[in-house]
Protein backbone atom coordinates (compact mmCIF):
# COMPACT_ATOMS: atom_id res chain seq x y z
CA UNK A 1 0.00 0.00 0.00
CA UNK A 2 1.31 3.46 -0.89
CA UNK A 3 1.67 5.78 2.09
CA UNK A 4 0.31 9.26 1.19
CA UNK A 5 2.84 12.07 1.31
CA UNK A 6 1.60 14.47 4.04
CA UNK A 7 2.86 17.53 2.13
CA UNK A 8 1.04 16.44 -1.02
CA UNK A 9 -2.17 15.69 0.86
CA UNK A 10 -1.91 19.02 2.68
CA UNK A 11 -1.53 20.84 -0.64
CA UNK A 12 -4.57 19.08 -2.07
CA UNK A 13 -6.63 19.95 0.97
CA UNK A 14 -5.50 23.57 0.83
CA UNK A 15 -6.47 23.76 -2.85
CA UNK A 16 -9.86 22.24 -2.04
CA UNK A 17 -10.35 24.74 0.81
CA UNK A 18 -9.45 27.75 -1.35
CA UNK A 19 -11.66 26.78 -4.28
CA UNK A 20 -14.52 25.65 -2.03
CA UNK A 21 -14.39 29.04 -0.34
CA UNK A 22 -14.43 30.90 -3.64
CA UNK A 23 -17.23 28.71 -4.95
CA UNK A 24 -19.50 29.39 -2.00
CA UNK A 25 -18.49 33.01 -1.45
CA UNK A 26 -21.68 34.41 -2.97
CA UNK A 27 -24.02 32.10 -1.08
CA UNK A 28 -22.46 31.21 2.29
CA UNK A 29 -20.95 33.38 5.07
CA UNK A 30 -17.22 32.94 5.56
CA UNK A 31 -17.58 31.64 9.12
CA UNK A 32 -19.83 28.85 7.88
CA UNK A 33 -17.39 27.98 5.11
CA UNK A 34 -14.58 27.58 7.65
CA UNK A 35 -16.51 24.81 9.42
CA UNK A 36 -16.47 22.74 6.22
CA UNK A 37 -12.70 22.18 6.24
CA UNK A 38 -12.82 19.27 8.67
CA UNK A 39 -15.45 17.58 6.52
CA UNK A 40 -13.31 18.23 3.44
CA UNK A 41 -10.36 16.51 5.12
CA UNK A 42 -12.44 13.43 6.00
CA UNK A 43 -13.81 13.28 2.47
CA UNK A 44 -10.30 13.45 1.02
CA UNK A 45 -9.18 10.62 3.32
CA UNK A 46 -12.17 8.46 2.31
CA UNK A 47 -11.41 9.10 -1.36
CA UNK A 48 -7.81 7.94 -0.88
CA UNK A 49 -9.10 4.65 0.52
CA UNK A 50 -11.57 4.30 -2.34
CA UNK A 51 -8.75 4.91 -4.83
CA UNK A 52 -6.74 2.14 -3.19
CA UNK A 53 -9.68 -0.25 -3.46
CA UNK A 54 -10.18 0.65 -7.13
CA UNK A 55 -6.50 -0.01 -7.83
CA UNK A 56 -6.78 -3.37 -6.05
CA UNK A 57 -9.87 -4.27 -8.13
CA UNK A 58 -11.82 -4.65 -4.91
CA UNK A 59 -15.49 -5.59 -5.04
CA UNK A 60 -16.08 -4.36 -1.49
CA UNK A 61 -17.30 -0.89 -2.49
CA UNK A 62 -21.02 -0.78 -1.84
CA UNK A 63 -23.88 1.52 -2.84
CA UNK A 64 -26.54 2.34 -0.27
CA UNK A 65 -30.17 1.98 -1.38
CA UNK A 66 -28.99 0.38 -4.61
CA UNK A 67 -32.31 -1.45 -5.03
CA UNK A 68 -34.16 1.87 -5.38
CA UNK A 69 -31.91 2.91 -8.24
CA UNK A 70 -32.17 -0.48 -9.91
CA UNK A 71 -35.95 -0.25 -9.62
CA UNK A 72 -35.93 3.13 -11.35
CA UNK A 73 -33.90 1.74 -14.22
CA UNK A 74 -36.03 -1.40 -14.47
CA UNK A 75 -39.06 0.56 -15.72
CA UNK A 76 -37.13 1.99 -18.65
CA UNK A 77 -34.31 0.95 -21.00
CA UNK A 78 -31.00 2.34 -22.27
CA UNK A 79 -32.72 3.35 -25.49
CA UNK A 80 -35.07 5.63 -23.54
CA UNK A 81 -32.86 6.97 -20.74
CA UNK A 82 -29.38 8.44 -20.25
CA UNK A 83 -27.74 9.31 -16.93
CA UNK A 84 -26.55 12.87 -16.23
CA UNK A 85 -24.01 12.93 -13.39
CA UNK A 86 -21.32 15.33 -12.13
CA UNK A 87 -17.92 15.68 -10.47
CA UNK A 88 -19.35 15.18 -6.99
CA UNK A 89 -18.60 12.46 -4.47
CA UNK A 90 -16.47 9.76 -6.10
CA UNK A 91 -18.32 9.19 -9.34
CA UNK A 92 -15.62 6.86 -10.74
CA UNK A 93 -15.93 4.49 -7.77
CA UNK A 94 -19.71 4.75 -8.05
CA UNK A 95 -19.80 3.87 -11.76
CA UNK A 96 -17.39 1.01 -11.13
CA UNK A 97 -19.53 -0.43 -8.31
CA UNK A 98 -22.73 0.21 -10.28
CA UNK A 99 -21.35 -1.68 -13.26
CA UNK A 100 -20.21 -4.57 -11.05
CA UNK A 101 -23.80 -4.72 -9.76
CA UNK A 102 -24.85 -5.71 -13.27
CA UNK A 103 -25.85 -2.38 -14.83
CA UNK A 104 -24.32 -1.98 -18.33
CA UNK A 105 -22.80 1.50 -18.61
CA UNK A 106 -20.91 3.60 -21.13
CA UNK A 107 -19.14 6.85 -20.30
CA UNK A 108 -16.96 9.38 -22.07
CA UNK A 109 -13.85 11.16 -20.86
CA UNK A 110 -11.19 13.66 -21.85
CA UNK A 111 -7.69 13.78 -20.30
CA UNK A 112 -8.72 11.48 -17.44
CA UNK A 113 -6.51 9.72 -14.91
CA UNK A 114 -5.09 6.46 -16.28
CA UNK A 115 -5.86 4.82 -12.93
CA UNK A 116 -9.53 5.74 -13.23
CA UNK A 117 -9.73 4.73 -16.90
CA UNK A 118 -8.29 1.31 -16.06
CA UNK A 119 -10.59 0.90 -13.05
CA UNK A 120 -13.69 1.64 -15.10
CA UNK A 121 -12.56 -0.63 -17.92
CA UNK A 122 -11.91 -3.53 -15.53
CA UNK A 123 -15.37 -3.12 -14.01
CA UNK A 124 -17.00 -3.39 -17.44
CA UNK A 125 -17.80 0.25 -18.23
CA UNK A 126 -17.42 0.97 -21.95
CA UNK A 127 -15.44 4.17 -22.53
CA UNK A 128 -15.32 6.76 -25.31
CA UNK A 129 -12.19 8.92 -25.44
CA UNK A 130 -13.42 12.27 -26.73
CA UNK A 131 -9.89 13.28 -27.75
CA UNK A 132 -9.93 10.44 -30.27
CA UNK A 133 -13.25 11.39 -31.87
CA UNK A 134 -13.16 14.21 -34.40
CA UNK A 135 -16.70 15.59 -34.32
CA UNK A 136 -19.89 15.77 -32.30
CA UNK A 137 -21.61 13.66 -34.93
CA UNK A 138 -19.08 10.85 -34.49
CA UNK A 139 -19.34 11.13 -30.71
CA UNK A 140 -23.10 10.71 -30.94
CA UNK A 141 -22.67 7.80 -33.38
CA UNK A 142 -20.44 6.08 -30.80
CA UNK A 143 -23.01 6.74 -28.07
CA UNK A 144 -25.82 5.43 -30.28
CA UNK A 145 -23.95 2.20 -30.95
CA UNK A 146 -23.33 1.62 -27.26
CA UNK A 147 -26.90 2.55 -26.33
CA UNK A 148 -28.34 0.17 -28.90
CA UNK A 149 -26.12 -2.60 -27.48
CA UNK A 150 -27.94 -2.17 -24.16
CA UNK A 151 -25.73 0.27 -22.24
CA UNK A 152 -26.86 3.35 -20.34
CA UNK A 153 -24.94 6.41 -21.54
CA UNK A 154 -23.44 8.46 -18.69
CA UNK A 155 -22.86 12.18 -19.41
CA UNK A 156 -21.40 14.93 -17.23
CA UNK A 157 -23.56 17.87 -16.19
CA UNK A 158 -20.53 20.02 -15.38
CA UNK A 159 -18.06 19.26 -18.15
CA UNK A 160 -16.13 22.41 -19.09
CA UNK A 161 -16.61 23.80 -22.58
CA UNK A 162 -15.27 27.01 -24.10
CA UNK A 163 -18.38 28.79 -25.28
CA UNK A 164 -19.77 32.29 -25.57
CA UNK A 165 -22.94 31.08 -23.87
CA UNK A 166 -22.95 31.01 -20.09
CA UNK A 167 -25.33 29.78 -17.39
CA UNK A 168 -25.98 30.97 -13.80
CA UNK A 169 -24.27 28.67 -11.28
CA UNK A 170 -23.54 29.34 -7.60
CA UNK A 171 -23.89 33.07 -8.13
CA UNK A 172 -21.50 33.15 -11.10
CA UNK A 173 -21.86 32.84 -14.89
CA UNK A 174 -20.14 29.70 -16.17
CA UNK A 175 -19.35 28.15 -19.52
CA UNK A 176 -20.36 24.50 -19.55
CA UNK A 177 -20.93 21.73 -22.07
CA UNK A 178 -24.56 21.24 -23.08
CA UNK A 179 -23.82 17.72 -24.36
CA UNK A 180 -26.35 15.98 -22.05
CA UNK A 181 -29.19 18.05 -23.48
CA UNK A 182 -27.90 17.86 -27.06
CA UNK A 183 -27.57 14.09 -26.90
CA UNK A 184 -30.97 13.69 -25.25
CA UNK A 185 -32.50 15.77 -28.06
CA UNK A 186 -30.62 13.75 -30.67
CA UNK A 187 -31.55 10.36 -29.22
CA UNK A 188 -35.00 11.34 -27.89
CA UNK A 189 -33.96 9.88 -24.56
CA UNK A 190 -34.87 11.26 -21.14
CA UNK A 191 -32.14 12.29 -18.68
CA UNK A 192 -31.88 11.00 -15.13
CA UNK A 193 -29.93 13.50 -12.95
CA UNK A 194 -27.78 11.48 -10.54
CA UNK A 195 -25.20 12.86 -8.11
CA UNK A 196 -22.98 10.53 -6.10
CA UNK A 197 -21.64 11.00 -2.59
CA UNK A 198 -19.12 9.27 -0.33
CA UNK A 199 -20.68 7.96 2.88
CA UNK A 200 -17.63 6.09 4.15
CA UNK A 201 -14.42 4.52 2.94
CA UNK A 202 -16.32 1.62 1.42
CA UNK A 203 -19.87 2.91 0.95
CA UNK A 204 -21.26 5.30 -1.64
CA UNK A 205 -24.62 7.00 -1.87
CA UNK A 206 -26.48 9.00 -4.47
CA UNK A 207 -29.25 11.51 -5.04
CA UNK A 208 -31.61 11.24 -7.98
CA UNK A 209 -33.38 14.22 -9.50
CA UNK A 210 -36.60 14.33 -11.46
CA UNK A 211 -36.30 12.73 -14.89
CA UNK A 212 -35.92 15.38 -17.60
CA UNK A 213 -37.98 14.54 -20.68
CA UNK A 214 -36.42 15.04 -24.14
CA UNK A 215 -37.12 18.50 -25.49
CA UNK A 216 -36.00 20.98 -28.10
CA UNK A 217 -35.56 23.46 -25.23
CA UNK A 218 -32.11 23.54 -23.60
CA UNK A 219 -32.33 21.80 -20.20
CA UNK A 220 -28.73 22.57 -19.17
CA UNK A 221 -29.88 25.13 -16.61
CA UNK A 222 -32.25 22.58 -15.06
CA UNK A 223 -29.37 20.11 -14.67
CA UNK A 224 -27.11 22.81 -13.20
CA UNK A 225 -29.87 23.73 -10.74
CA UNK A 226 -29.99 20.11 -9.57
CA UNK A 227 -26.21 20.07 -9.15
CA UNK A 228 -26.23 23.41 -7.33
CA UNK A 229 -28.62 22.01 -4.71
CA UNK A 230 -26.34 18.99 -4.26
CA UNK A 231 -23.24 21.16 -3.85
CA UNK A 232 -24.88 23.46 -1.31
CA UNK A 233 -25.84 20.41 0.76
CA UNK A 234 -22.35 18.81 0.63
CA UNK A 235 -19.87 21.33 -0.78
CA UNK A 236 -16.85 19.49 0.58
CA UNK A 237 -17.57 16.61 -1.83
CA UNK A 238 -17.49 18.64 -5.02
CA UNK A 239 -14.40 18.45 -7.26
CA UNK A 240 -13.67 22.15 -7.10
CA UNK A 241 -10.30 21.90 -8.83
CA UNK A 242 -12.01 20.57 -11.98
CA UNK A 243 -14.93 22.92 -11.69
CA UNK A 244 -16.61 24.92 -14.45
CA UNK A 245 -16.70 27.64 -11.81
CA UNK A 246 -13.32 29.02 -12.84
CA UNK A 247 -14.63 29.89 -16.31
CA UNK A 248 -16.05 32.97 -14.54
CA UNK A 249 -13.54 35.80 -14.11
CA UNK A 250 -14.94 36.94 -10.78
CA UNK A 251 -14.73 33.36 -9.46
CA UNK A 252 -11.05 33.25 -10.41
CA UNK A 253 -10.49 36.59 -8.67
CA UNK A 254 -12.25 35.25 -5.57
CA UNK A 255 -10.00 32.19 -5.62
CA UNK A 256 -6.88 34.35 -5.72
CA UNK A 257 -8.25 36.42 -2.85
CA UNK A 258 -8.93 33.36 -0.72
CA UNK A 259 -5.49 31.97 -1.60
CA UNK A 260 -3.98 35.02 0.09
CA UNK A 261 -6.15 34.41 3.14
CA UNK A 262 -4.97 30.79 3.22
CA UNK A 263 -1.88 31.71 5.25
CA UNK A 264 -4.26 32.57 8.08
CA UNK A 265 -5.86 29.13 7.80
CA UNK A 266 -2.68 27.07 7.77
CA UNK A 267 -3.07 25.93 11.38
CA UNK A 268 -6.70 24.91 10.74
CA UNK A 269 -5.69 22.98 7.64
CA UNK A 270 -2.70 21.34 9.37
CA UNK A 271 -4.93 19.84 12.07
CA UNK A 272 -6.74 17.80 9.43
CA UNK A 273 -3.79 16.44 7.43
């Protein structure tokens, strides 16, 4: 087993604290944000253990209330439903455990961790590398083929995308991919919003939103609203470092400001590393 480097873990926690603070700055008082750092440290520790289990190809990672989710999927089919998830909790461990539970899944990625790619592949999740596909049409063709083979397509609500169009999110204006909506419109499939969470070092949970019916009207804001509620409930479990949040200039400025304040927090952070 690899022993985590305390300096590296401390740096990760500090980054999470700074970006978490900037992300919630418009909606939460600073004193309340400070209380989240201990929870962020526990979450980071649980994720390290989950990563170790993924690397060891462990089948001990469980999903609470899995039967409820399986029941929801049982009344539909991959041809009629796609899953819209986000960078919250440990979604890689969740998809891996979900696939091992017998649910056929397909997901896409861009510049992902090799460890996570291998873990998903070993658990049976079919993967589409977006860097290897030259156009949206070909991406959708790949999704269609996988969907017709009986796999549920998993798409990210909060995938970054350089665009002139922006959406309200956590009090900022962010640029985000609208691929979940575009693919739902293309395939005439509904979208099931699904956010994962870490409950312990070997147990994952989830929150389902209301199914979004296929429509010619952009539903990206609806999906972001679902994710915003999830983040406000458990902000320490959001992947702030990969967040679409930093596509907003004022969010980046807030992050720099909180980075300067971080020297004042170093003793608080050190207690949790």
